[in-house]
């Protein structure tokens, strides 16, 4: 039976974790650059647009 390569498994876990962090960071950056408006269809004077 072959010996388990723990270094490879650890590296794969690290890569997966970094990929998740990068995706989360990219999502946050996109949200900061293109914020969703909280526009409810009303103008600032309180009347309906």
Protein backbone atom coordinates (compact mmCIF):
# COMPACT_ATOMS: atom_id res chain seq x y z
CA UNK A 1 0.00 0.00 0.00
CA UNK A 2 1.29 3.46 -0.88
CA UNK A 3 2.19 5.96 1.79
CA UNK A 4 -0.17 8.95 2.09
CA UNK A 5 1.28 12.23 0.87
CA UNK A 6 0.11 14.64 3.55
CA UNK A 7 2.09 17.53 2.07
CA UNK A 8 0.05 17.28 -1.13
CA UNK A 9 -3.23 17.17 0.78
CA UNK A 10 -2.21 20.16 2.90
CA UNK A 11 -1.25 22.12 -0.21
CA UNK A 12 -4.59 21.32 -1.83
CA UNK A 13 -6.45 22.54 1.28
CA UNK A 14 -4.38 25.73 1.31
CA UNK A 15 -5.12 26.37 -2.37
CA UNK A 16 -8.84 25.81 -1.85
CA UNK A 17 -8.85 28.15 1.14
CA UNK A 18 -6.98 30.85 -0.81
CA UNK A 19 -9.38 30.46 -3.74
CA UNK A 20 -12.35 31.01 -1.41
CA UNK A 21 -10.70 34.05 0.17
CA UNK A 22 -9.93 35.55 -3.25
CA UNK A 23 -13.52 35.00 -4.37
CA UNK A 24 -14.85 36.63 -1.22
CA UNK A 25 -12.46 39.57 -1.62
CA UNK A 26 -13.45 40.02 -5.28
CA UNK A 27 -17.13 39.96 -4.31
CA UNK A 28 -16.59 42.60 -1.64
CA UNK A 29 -14.61 44.76 -4.05
CA UNK A 30 -17.36 44.51 -6.68
CA UNK A 31 -19.99 45.49 -4.10
CA UNK A 32 -17.93 48.52 -3.06
CA UNK A 33 -17.46 49.65 -6.66
CA UNK A 34 -21.09 49.06 -7.69
CA UNK A 35 -23.23 49.62 -4.61
CA UNK A 36 -26.84 48.55 -4.86
CA UNK A 37 -29.14 51.51 -4.60
CA UNK A 38 -31.85 51.48 -1.98
CA UNK A 39 -34.19 53.27 -4.36
CA UNK A 40 -37.80 52.37 -3.62
CA UNK A 41 -39.22 54.28 -6.56
CA UNK A 42 -39.76 57.48 -4.60
CA UNK A 43 -38.24 60.87 -5.14
CA UNK A 44 -36.41 62.66 -2.27
CA UNK A 45 -39.42 64.87 -1.47
CA UNK A 46 -41.35 61.81 -0.30
CA UNK A 47 -43.76 61.64 -3.23
CA UNK A 48 -44.09 58.76 -5.64
CA UNK A 49 -41.96 59.12 -8.74
